Amino acid sequence: MKTTPHHSSPFPIIKKSKVVHAGFTLLEMVIVLGIIAMIMGGAIFVMKNISDSGAITVVDGDFASIDNALQAYRNNAGNFPSGQQGLMALVEKPSSAPRPRRWIQIMDQLPKDPWGNEYVYKYPGSKNRSRPELICYGKDGLEGTEDDMSSQDPR
């Protein structure tokens, strides 16, 4: 009868194996961080253009909102605020002529454009003299530059 060798040692047999170290080297980390930085830089550049587009949308929304308030003013007062009275006639009762027949406060405060500037009010408007005109001087805040927007511009 054959007997198989039997190991009766109290210590288990340990086989030698290769030790694998998991992780990244410093060079790999620098490369990955560089790639992430390039992606973020590109995303920020693209988002800047989206931000400008969003600002234009805000201006269009403000033009519509203020125009509705001006229509309500005209329905109560009988006329649009004069150029001298301006948009403040929507917030405070005008004390100069033409005085409104009936006046109610239509807005609590006047909105500012996305760049923190006040909208310019002209009545009569420069393109349609029977309607008020709202003007936003755009990102640069300067009159007469290519980023100016008017409520009387075609959309």
Protein backbone atom coordinates (compact mmCIF):
# COMPACT_ATOMS: atom_id res chain seq x y z
CA MET A 1 0.00 0.00 0.00
CA LYS A 2 1.20 3.38 -0.98
CA THR A 3 1.17 6.16 1.42
CA THR A 4 1.09 9.76 0.45
CA PRO A 5 3.42 12.06 2.20
CA HIS A 6 1.64 13.93 4.87
CA HIS A 7 2.76 17.28 6.10
CA SER A 8 2.08 17.82 9.72
CA SER A 9 3.78 21.15 10.28
CA PRO A 10 1.79 23.70 12.29
CA PHE A 11 2.80 26.37 9.76
CA PRO A 12 1.11 26.53 6.36
CA ILE A 13 3.23 26.28 3.26
CA ILE A 14 3.66 29.66 1.62
CA LYS A 15 4.28 29.71 -2.08
CA LYS A 16 6.36 32.50 -3.49
CA SER A 17 4.48 34.79 -5.86
CA LYS A 18 5.15 38.08 -7.53
CA VAL A 19 4.03 41.07 -5.56
CA VAL A 20 2.03 43.49 -7.74
CA HIS A 21 1.93 47.10 -6.61
CA ALA A 22 -1.26 48.90 -7.63
CA GLY A 23 -1.22 52.69 -8.07
CA PHE A 24 0.07 55.46 -10.27
CA THR A 25 3.52 56.89 -10.65
CA LEU A 26 4.10 60.59 -10.30
CA LEU A 27 4.63 60.91 -14.05
CA GLU A 28 1.28 59.25 -14.78
CA MET A 29 -0.47 61.60 -12.35
CA VAL A 30 1.12 64.67 -13.96
CA ILE A 31 0.02 63.49 -17.42
CA VAL A 32 -3.56 62.85 -16.27
CA LEU A 33 -3.76 66.24 -14.54
CA GLY A 34 -2.42 67.92 -17.68
CA ILE A 35 -5.09 66.27 -19.81
CA ILE A 36 -7.80 67.32 -17.34
CA ALA A 37 -6.50 70.90 -17.37
CA MET A 38 -6.63 71.01 -21.18
CA ILE A 39 -10.20 69.69 -21.21
CA MET A 40 -11.28 72.24 -18.58
CA GLY A 41 -9.63 75.07 -20.49
CA GLY A 42 -11.54 74.14 -23.63
CA ALA A 43 -14.79 73.82 -21.70
CA ILE A 44 -14.34 77.25 -20.12
CA PHE A 45 -13.69 78.78 -23.55
CA VAL A 46 -16.86 77.21 -24.96
CA MET A 47 -18.90 78.22 -21.88
CA LYS A 48 -17.83 81.85 -22.33
CA ASN A 49 -19.59 81.93 -25.69
CA ILE A 50 -22.66 80.23 -24.23
CA SER A 51 -22.66 82.82 -21.43
CA ASP A 52 -22.74 85.69 -23.96
CA SER A 53 -25.60 83.98 -25.78
CA GLY A 54 -27.45 83.62 -22.48
CA ALA A 55 -26.95 87.30 -21.71
CA ILE A 56 -28.55 88.26 -25.03
CA THR A 57 -31.52 86.04 -24.17
CA VAL A 58 -31.83 87.82 -20.80
CA VAL A 59 -31.83 91.21 -22.56
CA ASP A 60 -34.58 90.04 -24.93
CA GLY A 61 -36.61 88.84 -21.95
CA ASP A 62 -36.10 92.15 -20.13
CA PHE A 63 -37.15 94.08 -23.25
CA ALA A 64 -40.40 92.05 -23.41
CA SER A 65 -41.07 92.46 -19.67
CA ILE A 66 -40.44 96.22 -19.67
CA ASP A 67 -42.50 96.62 -22.87
CA ASN A 68 -45.44 94.89 -21.16
CA ALA A 69 -45.04 97.22 -18.17
CA LEU A 70 -44.98 100.23 -20.52
CA GLN A 71 -48.21 99.03 -22.17
CA ALA A 72 -49.85 98.75 -18.75
CA TYR A 73 -48.63 102.27 -17.91
CA ARG A 74 -50.09 103.60 -21.17
CA ASN A 75 -53.42 101.88 -20.49
CA ASN A 76 -53.66 103.66 -17.11
CA ALA A 77 -51.97 106.99 -17.88
CA GLY A 78 -53.22 107.51 -21.42
CA ASN A 79 -49.71 107.82 -22.83
CA PHE A 80 -46.22 106.36 -22.54
CA PRO A 81 -43.79 108.02 -20.11
CA SER A 82 -41.91 110.92 -21.67
CA GLY A 83 -38.19 110.62 -22.37
CA GLN A 84 -37.56 112.83 -19.33
CA GLN A 85 -39.74 110.68 -17.04
CA GLY A 86 -38.10 107.53 -18.34
CA LEU A 87 -38.56 104.06 -16.95
CA MET A 88 -38.73 105.42 -13.38
CA ALA A 89 -42.38 106.24 -14.18
CA LEU A 90 -43.03 102.51 -13.79
CA VAL A 91 -41.67 102.58 -10.22
CA GLU A 92 -42.50 106.09 -8.92
CA LYS A 93 -45.37 108.41 -9.85
CA PRO A 94 -44.06 111.08 -12.24
CA SER A 95 -44.15 114.64 -10.94
CA SER A 96 -43.45 116.25 -14.33
CA ALA A 97 -45.66 116.58 -17.40
CA PRO A 98 -47.32 114.68 -18.86
CA ARG A 99 -48.86 113.63 -15.57
CA PRO A 100 -50.67 110.30 -15.74
CA ARG A 101 -54.49 110.26 -15.49
CA ARG A 102 -54.33 107.17 -13.30
CA TRP A 103 -51.11 105.81 -11.94
CA ILE A 104 -50.25 102.53 -10.29
CA GLN A 105 -46.84 101.20 -9.44
CA ILE A 106 -46.14 98.58 -12.09
CA MET A 107 -42.62 97.52 -11.12
CA ASP A 108 -40.92 97.38 -7.71
CA GLN A 109 -37.55 98.14 -9.26
CA LEU A 110 -36.07 98.44 -12.70
CA PRO A 111 -34.05 95.50 -13.98
CA LYS A 112 -30.44 95.99 -14.99
CA ASP A 113 -28.86 94.37 -18.00
CA PRO A 114 -26.72 91.24 -17.48
CA TRP A 115 -23.60 93.43 -17.17
CA GLY A 116 -25.08 95.56 -14.37
CA ASN A 117 -25.97 98.64 -16.46
CA GLU A 118 -29.33 100.39 -16.64
CA TYR A 119 -31.44 100.10 -19.76
CA VAL A 120 -31.82 103.32 -21.75
CA TYR A 121 -35.35 104.53 -22.52
CA LYS A 122 -36.25 106.69 -25.51
CA TYR A 123 -39.66 107.97 -26.43
CA PRO A 124 -40.34 108.40 -29.20
CA GLY A 125 -38.19 105.55 -30.49
CA SER A 126 -35.57 106.12 -33.15
CA LYS A 127 -36.95 103.56 -35.63
CA ASN A 128 -40.65 103.49 -34.74
CA ARG A 129 -41.59 106.91 -33.41
CA SER A 130 -44.99 105.76 -32.12
CA ARG A 131 -43.39 103.28 -29.70
CA PRO A 132 -40.87 103.56 -26.88
CA GLU A 133 -37.39 102.16 -27.48
CA LEU A 134 -35.27 100.30 -24.96
CA ILE A 135 -31.53 100.17 -25.48
CA CYS A 136 -28.84 98.00 -23.93
CA TYR A 137 -25.24 99.07 -24.56
CA GLY A 138 -24.02 95.48 -24.26
CA LYS A 139 -21.01 93.99 -22.59
CA ASP A 140 -18.74 97.02 -23.13
CA GLY A 141 -21.37 99.47 -21.79
CA LEU A 142 -20.50 102.00 -24.50
CA GLU A 143 -23.01 103.70 -26.79
CA GLY A 144 -22.60 103.27 -30.52
CA THR A 145 -20.64 100.01 -30.56
CA GLU A 146 -21.53 96.81 -32.36
CA ASP A 147 -22.79 95.03 -29.22
CA ASP A 148 -25.59 97.59 -28.65
CA MET A 149 -29.13 96.15 -28.71
CA SER A 150 -32.43 97.92 -29.26
CA SER A 151 -35.98 96.75 -28.64
CA GLN A 152 -36.77 98.13 -32.11
CA ASP A 153 -34.15 95.98 -33.87
CA PRO A 154 -35.53 93.08 -35.92
CA ARG A 155 -35.00 89.73 -34.19
